[in-house]
C-alpha atoms as a PDB file:
ATOM      1  CA  MET A   1      -9.210 -13.618  -4.920  1.00  0.00           C
ATOM      2  CA  HIS A   2      -7.755 -15.117  -1.799  1.00  0.00           C
ATOM      3  CA  LEU A   3      -6.300 -13.396   1.229  1.00  0.00           C
ATOM      4  CA  ASN A   4      -2.754 -13.749  -0.067  1.00  0.00           C
ATOM      5  CA  THR A   5      -3.725 -11.799  -3.189  1.00  0.00           C
ATOM      6  CA  LYS A   6      -5.419  -9.106  -1.099  1.00  0.00           C
ATOM      7  CA  ARG A   7      -2.286  -8.832   1.020  1.00  0.00           C
ATOM      8  CA  LYS A   8      -0.134  -8.465  -2.097  1.00  0.00           C
ATOM      9  CA  LYS A   9      -2.419  -5.739  -3.420  1.00  0.00           C
ATOM     10  CA  TYR A  10      -2.050  -3.865  -0.138  1.00  0.00           C
ATOM     11  CA  TYR A  11       1.743  -4.140  -0.435  1.00  0.00           C
ATOM     12  CA  PHE A  12       1.579  -2.920  -4.047  1.00  0.00           C
ATOM     13  CA  ILE A  13      -0.540   0.018  -2.930  1.00  0.00           C
ATOM     14  CA  THR A  14       2.121   0.781  -0.319  1.00  0.00           C
ATOM     15  CA  LEU A  15       4.784   0.882  -3.026  1.00  0.00           C
ATOM     16  CA  LEU A  16       2.689   3.022  -5.342  1.00  0.00           C
ATOM     17  CA  PHE A  17       1.742   5.588  -2.688  1.00  0.00           C
ATOM     18  CA  HIS A  18       5.357   5.802  -1.643  1.00  0.00           C
ATOM     19  CA  TYR A  19       6.650   6.195  -5.203  1.00  0.00           C
ATOM     20  CA  ALA A  20       4.053   8.831  -6.003  1.00  0.00           C
ATOM     21  CA  TRP A  21       5.030  10.962  -3.021  1.00  0.00           C
ATOM     22  CA  ALA A  22       8.758  10.354  -3.345  1.00  0.00           C
ATOM     23  CA  TYR A  23       8.804  11.442  -6.982  1.00  0.00           C
ATOM     24  CA  GLU A  24       5.980  13.977  -7.161  1.00  0.00           C
ATOM     25  CA  ARG A  25       8.400  16.861  -7.734  1.00  0.00           C
ATOM     26  CA  LYS A  26      10.392  14.964 -10.371  1.00  0.00           C
ATOM     27  CA  SER A  27       7.735  13.805 -12.797  1.00  0.00           C
ATOM     28  CA  GLU A  28       4.055  14.588 -13.105  1.00  0.00           C
ATOM     29  CA  TYR A  29       3.694  11.743 -15.607  1.00  0.00           C
ATOM     30  CA  PHE A  30       4.950   9.078 -13.183  1.00  0.00           C
ATOM     31  CA  THR A  31       3.023  10.540 -10.268  1.00  0.00           C
ATOM     32  CA  ASN A  32      -0.158  10.264 -12.347  1.00  0.00           C
ATOM     33  CA  GLN A  33       0.704   6.688 -13.327  1.00  0.00           C
ATOM     34  CA  PHE A  34       1.331   5.714  -9.703  1.00  0.00           C
ATOM     35  CA  SER A  35      -1.958   7.329  -8.646  1.00  0.00           C
ATOM     36  CA  GLN A  36      -3.925   5.546 -11.368  1.00  0.00           C
ATOM     37  CA  ALA A  37      -2.403   2.190 -10.433  1.00  0.00           C
ATOM     38  CA  THR A  38      -3.118   2.784  -6.743  1.00  0.00           C
ATOM     39  CA  ASN A  39      -6.750   3.588  -7.496  1.00  0.00           C
ATOM     40  CA  GLY A  40      -6.985   0.467  -9.639  1.00  0.00           C
ATOM     41  CA  TYR A  41      -5.826  -1.766  -6.794  1.00  0.00           C
ATOM     42  CA  ARG A  42      -8.029   0.000  -4.243  1.00  0.00           C
ATOM     43  CA  GLU A  43     -11.095  -0.307  -6.458  1.00  0.00           C
ATOM     44  CA  TYR A  44     -11.057  -4.087  -5.999  1.00  0.00           C
ATOM     45  CA  SER A  45     -10.197  -3.998  -2.329  1.00  0.00           C
ATOM     46  CA  ASN A  46     -12.416  -4.409   0.711  1.00  0.00           C
ATOM     47  CA  ILE A  47      -9.892  -2.890   3.066  1.00  0.00           C
ATOM     48  CA  SER A  48     -11.156  -0.063   5.266  1.00  0.00           C
ATOM     49  CA  LEU A  49     -10.307   3.498   4.273  1.00  0.00           C
ATOM     50  CA  ALA A  50      -8.755   3.839   7.735  1.00  0.00           C
ATOM     51  CA  ALA A  51      -6.091   1.365   6.588  1.00  0.00           C
ATOM     52  CA  TYR A  52      -5.041   3.803   3.875  1.00  0.00           C
ATOM     53  CA  ASP A  53      -5.005   6.729   6.299  1.00  0.00           C
ATOM     54  CA  GLU A  54      -2.648   4.831   8.587  1.00  0.00           C
ATOM     55  CA  LEU A  55      -0.594   3.761   5.593  1.00  0.00           C
ATOM     56  CA  ARG A  56      -0.209   7.388   4.491  1.00  0.00           C
ATOM     57  CA  SER A  57       1.123   8.290   7.945  1.00  0.00           C
ATOM     58  CA  LEU A  58       3.571   5.418   7.819  1.00  0.00           C
ATOM     59  CA  ILE A  59       4.770   6.422   4.346  1.00  0.00           C
ATOM     60  CA  LYS A  60       5.358  10.002   5.481  1.00  0.00           C
ATOM     61  CA  LYS A  61       7.497   8.637   8.301  1.00  0.00           C
ATOM     62  CA  TRP A  62       9.478   6.440   5.914  1.00  0.00           C
ATOM     63  CA  LEU A  63      10.000   9.252   3.405  1.00  0.00           C
ATOM     64  CA  LYS A  64      12.012  11.023   6.105  1.00  0.00           C
ATOM     65  CA  LYS A  65      14.425   8.085   6.465  1.00  0.00           C
ATOM     66  CA  ASP A  66      17.940   8.605   5.214  1.00  0.00           C
ATOM     67  CA  TYR A  67      18.734   6.215   2.370  1.00  0.00           C
ATOM     68  CA  LYS A  68      21.726   7.914   0.785  1.00  0.00           C
ATOM     69  CA  SER A  69      23.441   6.191  -2.086  1.00  0.00           C
ATOM     70  CA  LYS A  70      27.191   6.375  -2.610  1.00  0.00           C
ATOM     71  CA  SER A  71      26.622   9.444  -4.793  1.00  0.00           C
ATOM     72  CA  GLY A  72      24.801  11.149  -1.920  1.00  0.00           C
ATOM     73  CA  ASP A  73      21.348  11.051  -3.533  1.00  0.00           C
ATOM     74  CA  GLN A  74      18.375   9.546  -1.733  1.00  0.00           C
ATOM     75  CA  ASN A  75      17.498   6.069  -3.002  1.00  0.00           C
ATOM     76  CA  HIS A  76      13.716   6.230  -2.902  1.00  0.00           C
ATOM     77  CA  PHE A  77      13.188   2.924  -4.702  1.00  0.00           C
ATOM     78  CA  MET A  78      15.054   1.057  -1.974  1.00  0.00           C
ATOM     79  CA  LYS A  79      13.164   2.980   0.683  1.00  0.00           C
ATOM     80  CA  CYS A  80       9.802   2.151  -0.925  1.00  0.00           C
ATOM     81  CA  THR A  81      10.679  -1.506  -1.390  1.00  0.00           C
ATOM     82  CA  ASP A  82      11.873  -1.842   2.196  1.00  0.00           C
ATOM     83  CA  LEU A  83       8.695  -0.223   3.484  1.00  0.00           C
ATOM     84  CA  SER A  84       6.416  -2.476   1.446  1.00  0.00           C
ATOM     85  CA  ASN A  85       8.180  -5.523   2.921  1.00  0.00           C
ATOM     86  CA  SER A  86       8.371  -4.142   6.457  1.00  0.00           C
ATOM     87  CA  ASN A  87       6.772  -5.620   9.542  1.00  0.00           C
ATOM     88  CA  GLU A  88       4.946  -2.304   9.986  1.00  0.00           C
ATOM     89  CA  VAL A  89       3.023  -2.796   6.728  1.00  0.00           C
ATOM     90  CA  LYS A  90       2.368  -6.439   7.553  1.00  0.00           C
ATOM     91  CA  GLU A  91       0.928  -5.379  10.922  1.00  0.00           C
ATOM     92  CA  LEU A  92      -1.253  -2.751   9.271  1.00  0.00           C
ATOM     93  CA  PHE A  93      -2.648  -5.357   6.908  1.00  0.00           C
ATOM     94  CA  ARG A  94      -3.330  -7.740   9.792  1.00  0.00           C
ATOM     95  CA  LYS A  95      -5.078  -4.947  11.672  1.00  0.00           C
ATOM     96  CA  PHE A  96      -7.364  -4.143   8.725  1.00  0.00           C
ATOM     97  CA  ASP A  97      -7.541  -7.606   7.136  1.00  0.00           C
ATOM     98  CA  PRO A  98     -10.845  -7.581   5.228  1.00  0.00           C
ATOM     99  CA  CYS A  99     -11.355 -11.282   5.906  1.00  0.00           C
ATOM    100  CA  LYS A 100     -11.496 -10.804   9.675  1.00  0.00           C
ATOM    101  CA  SER A 101     -15.199 -10.126   9.551  1.00  0.00           C
ATOM    102  CA  PRO A 102     -18.080 -10.595   7.128  1.00  0.00           C
ATOM    103  CA  SER A 103     -19.198  -7.061   8.061  1.00  0.00           C
ATOM    104  CA  ASN A 104     -16.381  -5.736   5.849  1.00  0.00           C
ATOM    105  CA  TRP A 105     -18.216  -7.064   2.803  1.00  0.00           C
ATOM    106  CA  LEU A 106     -21.404  -5.909   1.129  1.00  0.00           C
ATOM    107  CA  ASP A 107     -22.002  -9.388  -0.270  1.00  0.00           C
ATOM    108  CA  SER A 108     -21.783 -12.314   2.173  1.00  0.00           C
ATOM    109  CA  ASP A 109     -21.387 -14.790  -0.695  1.00  0.00           C
ATOM    110  CA  GLU A 110     -18.358 -12.886  -1.930  1.00  0.00           C
ATOM    111  CA  TYR A 111     -16.929 -12.948   1.588  1.00  0.00           C
ATOM    112  CA  LYS A 112     -17.346 -16.712   1.701  1.00  0.00           C
ATOM    113  CA  LEU A 113     -15.772 -17.079  -1.729  1.00  0.00           C
ATOM    114  CA  ARG A 114     -12.819 -14.761  -1.113  1.00  0.00           C
ATOM    115  CA  CYS A 115     -12.008 -15.455   2.523  1.00  0.00           C
ATOM    116  CA  ASN A 116     -12.663 -19.138   3.151  1.00  0.00           C
END
């Protein structure tokens, strides 16, 4: 899995966290699905847990943004999509990029395989 794939997974995790929190009052089923998918992506990630803490703070900030549709309802899907493609998320990934240092990996061979 190359860096580009790791970056995409981080962006997917951003979307899933955001969806789960945006819709937690609407549907327990979807919230559970979003949580399971998030955990699936994180399971194969070498990104620091601090990256997810900062991501949670960023998502909370974005959930407060006003994205009213013409009907007056909040458009959470647009909000989540915009966040996942934002410069803020890109900067977070750069900050916690697992390929910055071999110390982020338990297996140095895997680091060499995945990051070079």
